[in-house]
């Protein structure tokens, strides 16, 4: 069975198409068929002006039409799609109008999800469940408009929360000292007496840092290495980031504030390393959709 997820974020929109097969005991295995990313950069307009301009609405419609054609080409039915929008659409005053147009022209239903829902969907990958149960695990998902945190300790979720601190908000200088203090205080208050905290990172920026680090899959990236990259990338121009580090233009500007967010959160959580399983909201949406369609029957 093929399933699809659309994640309309503050920096980019992604379409993930996955093939779901069952292993021997009947557990689902999610194999990525294709991932397509379009840098709509909605947050640059919304976080400054409060709405999505006409030109960007046209880009959204063209992107959703293209995604619908790709779904048809891969044999994915609309009933096998989950489409969600996050921080930029949450803040956009004309979000409802855009969602209505997309539905009318493509048949795609877009759900604007809360920060809490976003955090919950991201941890649907259950990465922490495959790791040492004696540790505490902090999922950190850094987006353009918000950062989602979910903490697991000894197999139980202790909290999930969303904060309006994101890469584009930082570039637009719209994150206050009070917002940083709120995040810091929340982390410190909720990780007291938990022992070792290990970070699990998701999002395009931490995935790119992981690739640059040349670490093997499954190996963590030390906090000190994130600090080194932050210092290194801050010191060079956008042009050098694009040419020397092979970054796309729409990655080269947001990767520095993203690193700052990861570094601060890890420092406050006293986590000295971060695992990067290369999962994101779209992966969580696919898995949520599968379990929604195939509910686990209690015995």
Foldseek 3Di string as FASTA:
>chain_A
DKAWEWEAEQFKIKIWIWDWDADDVGDTDTHTPDMDIDGLNLNLCCVVPQAGDPVSLVVVLVVLQVSLVVCVVVVHDLLRYAYEYEDSLVRHPCNVVSQVVNCVNRVHHYYYDYLQVQLVLQCLVVPVVVDDQQAKEWEWEAGAQKIWIWIDHSRDTPDIDIARDHLVCVVVVNQDPVSLVVLLVVLLVRLPPRPAYEYEYEDDLVVLLVVVVPDDAPDWDFLVSLVVVLVVLVPDDLVCCCPVSVDDSSNSRRNNSVSVVVSSSCVSNVHGIYHYNHTHSRNSVSSVSVCVVVPDDDD
